[in-house]
N, C-alpha and C. Protein backbone atom coordinates (compact mmCIF):
# COMPACT_ATOMS: atom_id res chain seq x y z
N UNK A 1 9.43 -3.24 -34.63
CA UNK A 1 9.99 -3.56 -33.27
C UNK A 1 11.30 -2.70 -33.11
N UNK A 2 11.49 -2.27 -31.95
CA UNK A 2 12.71 -1.41 -31.60
C UNK A 2 13.90 -2.35 -31.36
N UNK A 3 15.02 -1.81 -31.87
CA UNK A 3 16.32 -2.46 -31.44
C UNK A 3 16.82 -1.87 -30.10
N UNK A 4 17.69 -2.64 -29.40
CA UNK A 4 18.25 -2.01 -28.19
C UNK A 4 18.85 -0.65 -28.38
N UNK A 5 19.43 -0.41 -29.54
CA UNK A 5 20.13 0.88 -29.75
C UNK A 5 19.10 2.03 -29.82
N UNK A 6 17.83 1.70 -29.98
CA UNK A 6 16.83 2.76 -30.09
C UNK A 6 16.44 3.37 -28.65
N UNK A 7 16.84 2.64 -27.59
CA UNK A 7 16.41 3.05 -26.28
C UNK A 7 17.46 4.04 -25.71
N UNK A 8 16.99 5.03 -24.97
CA UNK A 8 17.89 6.01 -24.35
C UNK A 8 17.22 6.40 -23.02
N UNK A 9 17.98 6.86 -22.12
CA UNK A 9 17.49 7.40 -20.82
C UNK A 9 16.69 8.63 -21.04
N UNK A 10 15.57 8.64 -20.50
CA UNK A 10 14.60 9.79 -20.70
C UNK A 10 15.08 10.95 -19.86
N UNK A 11 15.18 12.14 -20.48
CA UNK A 11 15.68 13.28 -19.68
C UNK A 11 14.80 13.50 -18.44
N UNK A 12 15.47 13.82 -17.32
CA UNK A 12 14.72 14.03 -16.06
C UNK A 12 14.26 12.86 -15.39
N UNK A 13 14.58 11.64 -15.91
CA UNK A 13 13.99 10.52 -15.25
C UNK A 13 14.93 9.86 -14.22
N UNK A 14 16.17 10.30 -14.13
CA UNK A 14 17.15 9.72 -13.15
C UNK A 14 17.04 10.45 -11.83
N UNK A 15 17.14 9.73 -10.76
CA UNK A 15 17.08 10.29 -9.40
C UNK A 15 17.10 9.21 -8.39
N UNK A 16 17.01 9.64 -7.13
CA UNK A 16 17.01 8.61 -6.12
C UNK A 16 15.85 7.66 -6.10
N UNK A 17 16.10 6.42 -5.80
CA UNK A 17 14.98 5.42 -5.77
C UNK A 17 14.11 5.64 -4.50
N UNK A 18 12.83 5.68 -4.69
CA UNK A 18 11.98 6.00 -3.55
C UNK A 18 10.90 4.96 -3.66
N UNK A 19 11.06 3.70 -3.27
CA UNK A 19 10.11 2.64 -3.30
C UNK A 19 9.00 2.75 -2.10
N UNK A 20 7.90 2.26 -2.42
CA UNK A 20 6.79 2.22 -1.36
C UNK A 20 6.11 0.92 -1.35
N UNK A 21 5.37 0.74 -0.28
CA UNK A 21 4.52 -0.49 -0.18
C UNK A 21 3.43 -0.14 0.89
N UNK A 22 2.30 -0.50 0.54
CA UNK A 22 1.17 -0.46 1.60
C UNK A 22 0.64 -1.98 1.56
N UNK A 23 0.55 -2.54 2.78
CA UNK A 23 -0.06 -3.81 3.01
C UNK A 23 -1.36 -3.73 3.72
N UNK A 24 -2.37 -4.27 3.20
CA UNK A 24 -3.76 -4.07 3.80
C UNK A 24 -4.34 -5.46 3.83
N UNK A 25 -4.96 -5.86 4.97
CA UNK A 25 -5.62 -7.16 5.07
C UNK A 25 -6.88 -7.19 4.20
N UNK A 26 -7.18 -8.38 3.76
CA UNK A 26 -8.40 -8.55 2.92
C UNK A 26 -9.47 -9.19 3.71
N UNK A 27 -9.16 -9.68 4.89
CA UNK A 27 -10.20 -10.26 5.72
C UNK A 27 -10.56 -9.29 6.82
N UNK A 28 -11.89 -8.90 6.74
CA UNK A 28 -12.34 -7.95 7.70
C UNK A 28 -12.39 -8.46 9.09
N UNK A 29 -11.94 -7.60 10.05
CA UNK A 29 -11.95 -7.96 11.45
C UNK A 29 -10.82 -8.99 11.78
N UNK A 30 -10.96 -9.47 13.01
CA UNK A 30 -9.86 -10.31 13.55
C UNK A 30 -10.33 -11.86 13.57
N UNK A 31 -11.65 -12.08 13.29
CA UNK A 31 -12.14 -13.45 13.23
C UNK A 31 -11.95 -14.10 11.96
N UNK A 32 -11.66 -15.46 11.97
CA UNK A 32 -11.53 -16.28 10.74
C UNK A 32 -12.84 -16.15 9.83
N UNK A 33 -13.92 -15.84 10.53
CA UNK A 33 -15.16 -15.83 9.78
C UNK A 33 -15.48 -14.53 9.10
N UNK A 34 -14.55 -13.50 9.28
CA UNK A 34 -14.77 -12.27 8.65
C UNK A 34 -14.81 -12.23 7.19
N UNK A 35 -15.53 -11.39 6.60
CA UNK A 35 -15.62 -11.25 5.06
C UNK A 35 -14.27 -11.08 4.56
N UNK A 36 -13.98 -11.78 3.47
CA UNK A 36 -12.76 -11.72 2.70
C UNK A 36 -13.03 -11.07 1.46
N UNK A 37 -12.41 -9.91 1.19
CA UNK A 37 -12.48 -9.16 0.03
C UNK A 37 -11.58 -9.62 -1.08
N UNK A 38 -11.91 -9.42 -2.36
CA UNK A 38 -11.03 -9.72 -3.39
C UNK A 38 -10.12 -8.59 -3.59
N UNK A 39 -8.94 -8.84 -4.17
CA UNK A 39 -7.93 -7.84 -4.33
C UNK A 39 -8.54 -6.80 -5.32
N UNK A 40 -9.36 -7.16 -6.12
CA UNK A 40 -10.04 -6.11 -7.15
C UNK A 40 -10.71 -4.99 -6.38
N UNK A 41 -11.18 -5.24 -5.16
CA UNK A 41 -11.83 -4.20 -4.31
C UNK A 41 -10.81 -3.17 -3.97
N UNK A 42 -9.59 -3.61 -3.66
CA UNK A 42 -8.47 -2.74 -3.25
C UNK A 42 -8.12 -1.99 -4.56
N UNK A 43 -8.01 -2.59 -5.70
CA UNK A 43 -7.62 -1.92 -6.93
C UNK A 43 -8.64 -0.87 -7.22
N UNK A 44 -9.93 -1.13 -7.13
CA UNK A 44 -10.95 -0.15 -7.45
C UNK A 44 -10.83 1.06 -6.43
N UNK A 45 -10.53 0.82 -5.22
CA UNK A 45 -10.48 1.83 -4.19
C UNK A 45 -9.33 2.76 -4.54
N UNK A 46 -8.12 2.16 -4.93
CA UNK A 46 -6.95 2.91 -5.26
C UNK A 46 -7.15 3.75 -6.60
N UNK A 47 -7.91 3.16 -7.62
CA UNK A 47 -8.21 3.95 -8.76
C UNK A 47 -9.03 5.14 -8.50
N UNK A 48 -10.05 5.01 -7.63
CA UNK A 48 -10.95 6.16 -7.21
C UNK A 48 -10.11 7.22 -6.59
N UNK A 49 -9.14 6.80 -5.62
CA UNK A 49 -8.34 7.82 -4.98
C UNK A 49 -7.45 8.51 -5.93
N UNK A 50 -6.80 7.79 -7.00
CA UNK A 50 -5.99 8.38 -7.95
C UNK A 50 -6.69 9.36 -8.85
N UNK A 51 -7.82 8.88 -9.27
CA UNK A 51 -8.65 9.78 -10.15
C UNK A 51 -9.07 11.10 -9.47
N UNK A 52 -9.48 10.93 -8.15
CA UNK A 52 -9.89 12.09 -7.44
C UNK A 52 -8.78 13.13 -7.28
N UNK A 53 -7.58 12.65 -7.02
CA UNK A 53 -6.40 13.47 -6.86
C UNK A 53 -6.12 14.15 -8.16
N UNK A 54 -6.05 13.42 -9.20
CA UNK A 54 -5.68 13.95 -10.63
C UNK A 54 -6.76 14.93 -11.04
N UNK A 55 -7.98 14.66 -10.81
CA UNK A 55 -9.10 15.60 -11.11
C UNK A 55 -8.97 16.97 -10.33
N UNK A 56 -8.42 16.85 -9.06
CA UNK A 56 -8.18 18.05 -8.31
C UNK A 56 -6.93 18.69 -8.63
N UNK A 57 -6.15 18.29 -9.67
CA UNK A 57 -4.81 18.86 -10.03
C UNK A 57 -3.72 18.47 -9.10
N UNK A 58 -3.86 17.42 -8.36
CA UNK A 58 -2.79 17.01 -7.44
C UNK A 58 -2.13 15.76 -7.95
N UNK A 59 -0.83 15.51 -7.59
CA UNK A 59 -0.17 14.36 -8.01
C UNK A 59 -0.74 13.12 -7.34
N UNK A 60 -0.54 11.96 -7.93
CA UNK A 60 -0.98 10.63 -7.43
C UNK A 60 -0.03 9.64 -7.50
N UNK A 61 0.08 8.67 -6.69
CA UNK A 61 0.92 7.45 -6.75
C UNK A 61 0.43 6.55 -7.73
N UNK A 62 1.23 5.82 -8.38
CA UNK A 62 0.76 4.64 -9.23
C UNK A 62 1.67 3.45 -8.86
N UNK A 63 1.11 2.25 -9.01
CA UNK A 63 1.82 1.05 -8.65
C UNK A 63 1.06 -0.14 -9.03
N UNK A 64 1.40 -1.26 -8.40
CA UNK A 64 0.84 -2.56 -8.75
C UNK A 64 0.25 -3.24 -7.49
N UNK A 65 -0.77 -3.98 -7.66
CA UNK A 65 -1.38 -4.82 -6.54
C UNK A 65 -0.93 -6.25 -6.85
N UNK A 66 -0.68 -6.85 -5.64
CA UNK A 66 -0.52 -8.33 -5.59
C UNK A 66 -1.37 -8.89 -4.49
N UNK A 67 -1.79 -10.09 -4.53
CA UNK A 67 -2.46 -10.70 -3.36
C UNK A 67 -1.41 -11.69 -2.85
N UNK A 68 -1.34 -11.70 -1.51
CA UNK A 68 -0.48 -12.56 -0.77
C UNK A 68 -1.05 -13.05 0.56
N UNK A 69 -0.40 -13.80 1.30
CA UNK A 69 -0.81 -14.22 2.57
C UNK A 69 0.27 -13.80 3.62
N UNK A 70 -0.08 -13.26 4.68
CA UNK A 70 0.74 -13.02 5.75
C UNK A 70 0.56 -14.21 6.75
N UNK A 71 1.76 -14.72 7.20
CA UNK A 71 1.74 -15.74 8.25
C UNK A 71 2.43 -15.26 9.54
N UNK A 72 1.94 -15.62 10.64
CA UNK A 72 2.53 -15.17 11.89
C UNK A 72 2.25 -16.16 13.03
N UNK A 73 3.00 -15.98 14.14
CA UNK A 73 2.85 -16.82 15.25
C UNK A 73 2.97 -15.94 16.54
N UNK A 74 2.47 -16.48 17.67
CA UNK A 74 2.49 -15.72 18.93
C UNK A 74 2.44 -16.68 20.11
N UNK A 75 3.02 -16.20 21.20
CA UNK A 75 3.01 -17.08 22.40
C UNK A 75 1.60 -17.11 22.97
N UNK A 76 1.07 -18.25 23.42
CA UNK A 76 -0.28 -18.34 24.06
C UNK A 76 -0.09 -18.24 25.51
N UNK A 77 -1.12 -17.57 26.16
CA UNK A 77 -1.10 -17.50 27.61
C UNK A 77 -1.22 -18.94 28.15
N UNK A 78 -0.32 -19.22 29.14
CA UNK A 78 -0.29 -20.59 29.73
C UNK A 78 0.61 -21.50 29.00
N UNK A 79 1.26 -21.01 27.93
CA UNK A 79 2.24 -21.87 27.25
C UNK A 79 1.68 -22.31 25.89
N UNK A 80 2.56 -22.70 25.10
CA UNK A 80 2.10 -23.11 23.63
C UNK A 80 2.32 -21.92 22.71
N UNK A 81 2.11 -22.24 21.47
CA UNK A 81 2.20 -21.22 20.46
C UNK A 81 1.05 -21.31 19.46
N UNK A 82 0.45 -20.19 19.15
CA UNK A 82 -0.51 -20.04 18.14
C UNK A 82 0.01 -19.50 16.89
N UNK A 83 -0.64 -19.81 15.77
CA UNK A 83 -0.23 -19.33 14.54
C UNK A 83 -1.46 -19.21 13.59
N UNK A 84 -1.37 -18.27 12.59
CA UNK A 84 -2.45 -18.01 11.66
C UNK A 84 -1.86 -17.46 10.35
N UNK A 85 -2.75 -17.27 9.46
CA UNK A 85 -2.41 -16.57 8.20
C UNK A 85 -3.62 -15.89 7.78
N UNK A 86 -3.47 -14.81 6.93
CA UNK A 86 -4.60 -14.11 6.36
C UNK A 86 -4.22 -13.50 5.01
N UNK A 87 -5.15 -13.38 4.16
CA UNK A 87 -4.93 -12.80 2.84
C UNK A 87 -4.70 -11.32 2.94
N UNK A 88 -3.85 -10.76 2.13
CA UNK A 88 -3.51 -9.34 2.15
C UNK A 88 -3.33 -8.87 0.70
N UNK A 89 -3.63 -7.60 0.51
CA UNK A 89 -3.27 -6.90 -0.80
C UNK A 89 -2.05 -6.08 -0.55
N UNK A 90 -1.13 -6.15 -1.48
CA UNK A 90 0.08 -5.31 -1.43
C UNK A 90 0.10 -4.31 -2.52
N UNK A 91 0.07 -3.07 -2.25
CA UNK A 91 0.32 -2.07 -3.24
C UNK A 91 1.67 -1.64 -3.22
N UNK A 92 2.35 -1.75 -4.23
CA UNK A 92 3.81 -1.43 -4.40
C UNK A 92 4.17 -0.61 -5.57
N UNK A 93 5.17 0.18 -5.46
CA UNK A 93 5.60 0.95 -6.63
C UNK A 93 6.80 1.84 -6.15
N UNK A 94 7.13 2.82 -7.05
CA UNK A 94 8.16 3.76 -6.80
C UNK A 94 7.58 5.17 -7.09
N UNK A 95 7.97 6.14 -6.23
CA UNK A 95 7.79 7.52 -6.55
C UNK A 95 8.75 7.91 -7.71
N UNK A 96 8.35 7.73 -8.91
CA UNK A 96 9.23 7.81 -10.08
C UNK A 96 9.68 9.30 -10.30
N UNK A 97 10.94 9.37 -10.38
CA UNK A 97 11.60 10.71 -10.46
C UNK A 97 11.02 11.55 -11.53
N UNK A 98 10.76 11.03 -12.73
CA UNK A 98 10.25 11.88 -13.88
C UNK A 98 8.94 12.38 -13.56
N UNK A 99 8.11 11.79 -12.74
CA UNK A 99 6.78 12.37 -12.42
C UNK A 99 6.63 13.00 -11.07
N UNK A 100 7.36 12.46 -10.07
CA UNK A 100 7.24 13.00 -8.70
C UNK A 100 8.44 13.38 -8.12
N UNK A 101 9.48 13.55 -8.96
CA UNK A 101 10.77 13.92 -8.41
C UNK A 101 10.92 15.17 -7.62
N UNK A 102 9.99 16.19 -7.96
CA UNK A 102 9.98 17.45 -7.33
C UNK A 102 9.38 17.47 -5.95
N UNK A 103 8.60 16.33 -5.64
CA UNK A 103 7.94 16.32 -4.34
C UNK A 103 8.83 15.78 -3.30
N UNK A 104 8.81 16.44 -2.09
CA UNK A 104 9.69 16.06 -1.00
C UNK A 104 9.07 14.79 -0.36
N UNK A 105 9.96 13.97 0.31
CA UNK A 105 9.51 12.70 0.88
C UNK A 105 8.24 12.92 1.71
N UNK A 106 8.13 14.05 2.47
CA UNK A 106 6.95 14.19 3.39
C UNK A 106 5.67 14.20 2.67
N UNK A 107 5.65 14.64 1.37
CA UNK A 107 4.48 14.70 0.58
C UNK A 107 4.10 13.33 0.11
N UNK A 108 5.15 12.57 -0.33
CA UNK A 108 4.93 11.15 -0.70
C UNK A 108 4.35 10.41 0.51
N UNK A 109 4.85 10.59 1.69
CA UNK A 109 4.49 9.89 2.81
C UNK A 109 3.02 10.32 3.13
N UNK A 110 2.59 11.55 2.97
CA UNK A 110 1.24 11.89 3.23
C UNK A 110 0.32 11.29 2.21
N UNK A 111 0.72 11.15 0.93
CA UNK A 111 -0.02 10.37 -0.04
C UNK A 111 -0.17 8.92 0.36
N UNK A 112 0.83 8.28 0.78
CA UNK A 112 0.78 6.97 1.17
C UNK A 112 -0.16 6.72 2.38
N UNK A 113 -0.16 7.68 3.32
CA UNK A 113 -1.10 7.59 4.45
C UNK A 113 -2.49 7.72 3.89
N UNK A 114 -2.68 8.68 3.13
CA UNK A 114 -4.06 8.99 2.61
C UNK A 114 -4.66 7.76 1.87
N UNK A 115 -3.76 7.20 0.98
CA UNK A 115 -4.26 6.01 0.19
C UNK A 115 -4.51 4.82 1.14
N UNK A 116 -3.51 4.60 2.11
CA UNK A 116 -3.68 3.52 3.00
C UNK A 116 -5.04 3.67 3.74
N UNK A 117 -5.29 4.91 4.18
CA UNK A 117 -6.53 5.09 4.99
C UNK A 117 -7.76 4.81 4.08
N UNK A 118 -7.73 5.17 2.91
CA UNK A 118 -8.84 4.83 1.99
C UNK A 118 -9.07 3.39 1.81
N UNK A 119 -7.91 2.62 1.71
CA UNK A 119 -7.95 1.16 1.47
C UNK A 119 -8.44 0.51 2.81
N UNK A 120 -7.96 1.05 3.96
CA UNK A 120 -8.37 0.41 5.23
C UNK A 120 -9.84 0.63 5.41
N UNK A 121 -10.42 1.75 5.14
CA UNK A 121 -11.93 2.04 5.35
C UNK A 121 -12.68 1.16 4.37
N UNK A 122 -12.25 1.04 3.12
CA UNK A 122 -13.00 0.20 2.11
C UNK A 122 -13.02 -1.25 2.49
N UNK A 123 -11.90 -1.75 3.04
CA UNK A 123 -11.75 -3.12 3.34
C UNK A 123 -11.95 -3.54 4.81
N UNK A 124 -12.46 -2.58 5.59
CA UNK A 124 -12.78 -2.91 7.04
C UNK A 124 -11.57 -3.33 7.87
N UNK A 125 -10.43 -2.57 7.66
CA UNK A 125 -9.22 -2.90 8.39
C UNK A 125 -8.97 -1.93 9.59
N UNK A 126 -8.37 -2.30 10.62
CA UNK A 126 -7.99 -1.56 11.69
C UNK A 126 -6.52 -1.11 11.68
N UNK A 127 -5.66 -1.91 11.06
CA UNK A 127 -4.24 -1.70 10.95
C UNK A 127 -3.84 -1.75 9.50
N UNK A 128 -2.90 -0.82 9.12
CA UNK A 128 -2.36 -0.74 7.85
C UNK A 128 -0.87 -0.65 7.96
N UNK A 129 -0.13 -1.33 7.09
CA UNK A 129 1.37 -1.33 7.21
C UNK A 129 1.92 -0.60 6.01
N UNK A 130 2.71 0.36 6.21
CA UNK A 130 3.26 1.26 5.16
C UNK A 130 4.87 1.24 5.22
N UNK A 131 5.42 1.24 4.07
CA UNK A 131 6.89 1.33 3.92
C UNK A 131 7.21 2.32 2.85
N UNK A 132 8.28 3.17 3.12
CA UNK A 132 8.68 4.10 2.10
C UNK A 132 10.21 4.26 2.38
N UNK A 133 10.99 4.16 1.24
CA UNK A 133 12.48 4.06 1.23
C UNK A 133 12.90 3.18 2.34
N UNK A 134 13.54 3.72 3.40
CA UNK A 134 14.15 2.93 4.47
C UNK A 134 13.35 2.98 5.69
N UNK A 135 12.02 3.38 5.65
CA UNK A 135 11.19 3.49 6.90
C UNK A 135 9.91 2.67 6.71
N UNK A 136 9.45 2.21 7.85
CA UNK A 136 8.14 1.59 7.92
C UNK A 136 7.34 2.12 9.11
N UNK A 137 6.03 2.00 8.96
CA UNK A 137 5.15 2.47 10.01
C UNK A 137 3.82 1.75 9.95
N UNK A 138 3.09 1.79 11.04
CA UNK A 138 1.77 1.14 11.08
C UNK A 138 0.67 2.28 11.41
N UNK A 139 -0.29 2.32 10.54
CA UNK A 139 -1.46 3.20 10.81
C UNK A 139 -2.45 2.37 11.47
N UNK A 140 -3.05 2.88 12.64
CA UNK A 140 -4.05 2.27 13.32
C UNK A 140 -5.43 3.08 13.40
N UNK A 141 -6.43 2.47 13.23
CA UNK A 141 -7.74 3.21 13.28
C UNK A 141 -8.03 3.70 14.66
N UNK A 142 -8.51 4.89 14.75
CA UNK A 142 -8.85 5.46 16.09
C UNK A 142 -9.75 4.57 16.97
N UNK A 143 -10.67 3.83 16.30
CA UNK A 143 -11.61 3.05 17.01
C UNK A 143 -11.06 1.65 17.46
N UNK A 144 -9.83 1.46 17.06
CA UNK A 144 -9.19 0.18 17.47
C UNK A 144 -9.13 0.03 18.99
N UNK A 145 -9.61 -1.15 19.42
CA UNK A 145 -9.50 -1.41 20.88
C UNK A 145 -10.77 -0.87 21.60
N UNK A 146 -11.72 -0.21 20.84
CA UNK A 146 -12.94 0.27 21.53
C UNK A 146 -13.99 -0.76 21.52
């Protein structure tokens, strides 16, 4: 077992913190009766995406998945308030400087959008919520509202 004195900062590992998060619903569609996917489906999708990028000689993001529930409320037409909740998978991590430090933010954002799109397609989602550093955005499927 190592002592605390055995640890040192790895050369090239320090740099600006670049956290990211992708939140994707696990319930397909907008109806309460929609299929609910297990978070393991999101994990498998992300692993396929990571492997395909690495096989192509490209960098990939790594992170962790957690299952959570989003809760929300809205005003109803004619008065009153509605509320609901739905299961989500959250993929979160950091663009670690030691591995991805040379990549500009735009490339990290492009990877986040690519992975989010893969997750959305696999889990039947129309909207995906992405955060990177101090920015957030929503990706919407082109067929939304059709």
